[in-house]
Amino acid sequence: MAIGIYEAAKDLKFRIPEDLSVIGYDDIISTSYLSPPLTTMHQPKIRTGVYSINILLEKIENKSKEFKKILLEPRLVVRESVRLLNV
């Protein structure tokens, strides 16, 4: 969606970050190559997958019905698509 916002901003003559700040979510590799590079929330996708597989295998092997709650903290990756305020 953030890439679409970049395209719309360009069409409407908005400048990022001077006129419009944009923050993405997921930190896909291409966002660091946008102009300006996109500030984004990084999600630990590999760790999410590893935890998911382990929980699934445990449920299959042990027929477990236990509910597990695992919190993986996202991390803000600050790049250049957000204008600083109060500076």
C-alpha atoms as a PDB file:
ATOM      1  CA  MET A   1       0.000   0.000   0.000  1.00  0.00           C
ATOM      2  CA  ALA A   2       2.844   2.368   0.797  1.00  0.00           C
ATOM      3  CA  ILE A   3       4.211   1.955  -2.728  1.00  0.00           C
ATOM      4  CA  GLY A   4       0.776   2.933  -4.044  1.00  0.00           C
ATOM      5  CA  ILE A   5       0.862   6.029  -1.847  1.00  0.00           C
ATOM      6  CA  TYR A   6       4.226   6.932  -3.360  1.00  0.00           C
ATOM      7  CA  GLU A   7       2.748   6.619  -6.856  1.00  0.00           C
ATOM      8  CA  ALA A   8      -0.341   8.678  -5.968  1.00  0.00           C
ATOM      9  CA  ALA A   9       1.796  11.331  -4.269  1.00  0.00           C
ATOM     10  CA  LYS A  10       3.929  11.625  -7.389  1.00  0.00           C
ATOM     11  CA  ASP A  11       0.834  11.934  -9.619  1.00  0.00           C
ATOM     12  CA  LEU A  12      -0.649  14.605  -7.323  1.00  0.00           C
ATOM     13  CA  LYS A  13       2.654  16.481  -7.007  1.00  0.00           C
ATOM     14  CA  PHE A  14       3.010  15.803  -3.278  1.00  0.00           C
ATOM     15  CA  ARG A  15       6.559  15.539  -1.982  1.00  0.00           C
ATOM     16  CA  ILE A  16       7.519  12.847   0.509  1.00  0.00           C
ATOM     17  CA  PRO A  17       8.311  13.713   3.313  1.00  0.00           C
ATOM     18  CA  GLU A  18       7.951  17.479   2.877  1.00  0.00           C
ATOM     19  CA  ASP A  19       4.182  17.386   2.166  1.00  0.00           C
ATOM     20  CA  LEU A  20       3.285  13.860   3.204  1.00  0.00           C
ATOM     21  CA  SER A  21       4.912  11.444   5.663  1.00  0.00           C
ATOM     22  CA  VAL A  22       4.552   7.740   4.885  1.00  0.00           C
ATOM     23  CA  ILE A  23       5.201   4.706   7.102  1.00  0.00           C
ATOM     24  CA  GLY A  24       4.932   1.157   5.822  1.00  0.00           C
ATOM     25  CA  TYR A  25       4.503  -2.188   7.516  1.00  0.00           C
ATOM     26  CA  ASP A  26       6.466  -5.431   6.971  1.00  0.00           C
ATOM     27  CA  ASP A  27       9.812  -3.975   5.831  1.00  0.00           C
ATOM     28  CA  ILE A  28       9.836  -5.704   2.460  1.00  0.00           C
ATOM     29  CA  ILE A  29      13.227  -5.373   0.774  1.00  0.00           C
ATOM     30  CA  SER A  30      12.080  -3.064  -2.028  1.00  0.00           C
ATOM     31  CA  THR A  31      10.997  -0.324   0.387  1.00  0.00           C
ATOM     32  CA  SER A  32      14.601   0.584   1.154  1.00  0.00           C
ATOM     33  CA  TYR A  33      15.070   1.362  -2.566  1.00  0.00           C
ATOM     34  CA  LEU A  34      12.158   3.792  -2.858  1.00  0.00           C
ATOM     35  CA  SER A  35      12.964   7.463  -3.170  1.00  0.00           C
ATOM     36  CA  PRO A  36      12.989   8.509  -0.394  1.00  0.00           C
ATOM     37  CA  PRO A  37      13.534   5.163   1.385  1.00  0.00           C
ATOM     38  CA  LEU A  38      10.412   4.148   3.313  1.00  0.00           C
ATOM     39  CA  THR A  39      10.250   4.207   7.108  1.00  0.00           C
ATOM     40  CA  THR A  40       8.617   0.935   8.091  1.00  0.00           C
ATOM     41  CA  MET A  41       7.755  -1.483  10.860  1.00  0.00           C
ATOM     42  CA  HIS A  42       9.922  -4.599  10.627  1.00  0.00           C
ATOM     43  CA  GLN A  43       8.186  -7.855  11.459  1.00  0.00           C
ATOM     44  CA  PRO A  44      10.321 -10.867  12.437  1.00  0.00           C
ATOM     45  CA  LYS A  45       8.950 -13.050   9.623  1.00  0.00           C
ATOM     46  CA  ILE A  46      11.474 -15.877   9.932  1.00  0.00           C
ATOM     47  CA  ARG A  47      11.002 -16.160  13.694  1.00  0.00           C
ATOM     48  CA  THR A  48       7.230 -16.071  13.190  1.00  0.00           C
ATOM     49  CA  GLY A  49       7.507 -18.968  10.743  1.00  0.00           C
ATOM     50  CA  VAL A  50       9.801 -20.987  13.015  1.00  0.00           C
ATOM     51  CA  TYR A  51       7.497 -20.545  16.011  1.00  0.00           C
ATOM     52  CA  SER A  52       4.463 -21.445  13.883  1.00  0.00           C
ATOM     53  CA  ILE A  53       6.058 -24.620  12.539  1.00  0.00           C
ATOM     54  CA  ASN A  54       7.198 -25.712  16.004  1.00  0.00           C
ATOM     55  CA  ILE A  55       3.745 -25.154  17.491  1.00  0.00           C
ATOM     56  CA  LEU A  56       2.111 -27.042  14.615  1.00  0.00           C
ATOM     57  CA  LEU A  57       4.524 -29.982  14.904  1.00  0.00           C
ATOM     58  CA  GLU A  58       4.010 -30.116  18.664  1.00  0.00           C
ATOM     59  CA  LYS A  59       0.242 -30.205  18.176  1.00  0.00           C
ATOM     60  CA  ILE A  60       0.532 -32.987  15.580  1.00  0.00           C
ATOM     61  CA  GLU A  61       2.977 -35.102  17.617  1.00  0.00           C
ATOM     62  CA  ASN A  62       1.354 -34.658  21.019  1.00  0.00           C
ATOM     63  CA  LYS A  63      -2.206 -33.960  19.901  1.00  0.00           C
ATOM     64  CA  SER A  64      -1.939 -30.919  22.137  1.00  0.00           C
ATOM     65  CA  LYS A  65      -4.912 -28.616  22.476  1.00  0.00           C
ATOM     66  CA  GLU A  66      -2.970 -26.122  24.547  1.00  0.00           C
ATOM     67  CA  PHE A  67      -3.212 -22.514  23.440  1.00  0.00           C
ATOM     68  CA  LYS A  68       0.105 -20.689  23.188  1.00  0.00           C
ATOM     69  CA  LYS A  69       0.509 -16.958  22.997  1.00  0.00           C
ATOM     70  CA  ILE A  70       3.837 -15.735  21.665  1.00  0.00           C
ATOM     71  CA  LEU A  71       4.576 -12.053  21.294  1.00  0.00           C
ATOM     72  CA  LEU A  72       7.219 -10.975  18.805  1.00  0.00           C
ATOM     73  CA  GLU A  73       7.988  -7.310  19.002  1.00  0.00           C
ATOM     74  CA  PRO A  74       8.122  -5.289  15.797  1.00  0.00           C
ATOM     75  CA  ARG A  75      10.942  -2.807  15.283  1.00  0.00           C
ATOM     76  CA  LEU A  76      10.672   0.635  13.717  1.00  0.00           C
ATOM     77  CA  VAL A  77      13.114   1.043  10.825  1.00  0.00           C
ATOM     78  CA  VAL A  78      13.614   4.785  10.458  1.00  0.00           C
ATOM     79  CA  ARG A  79      14.427   5.873   6.937  1.00  0.00           C
ATOM     80  CA  GLU A  80      13.631   9.099   5.095  1.00  0.00           C
ATOM     81  CA  SER A  81       9.893   9.052   4.337  1.00  0.00           C
ATOM     82  CA  VAL A  82       8.812  10.797   7.548  1.00  0.00           C
ATOM     83  CA  ARG A  83       9.368  14.463   8.274  1.00  0.00           C
ATOM     84  CA  LEU A  84      10.522  15.265  11.772  1.00  0.00           C
ATOM     85  CA  LEU A  85       8.241  17.566  13.736  1.00  0.00           C
ATOM     86  CA  ASN A  86       9.197  19.716  16.734  1.00  0.00           C
ATOM     87  CA  VAL A  87      12.823  20.001  15.666  1.00  0.00           C
END
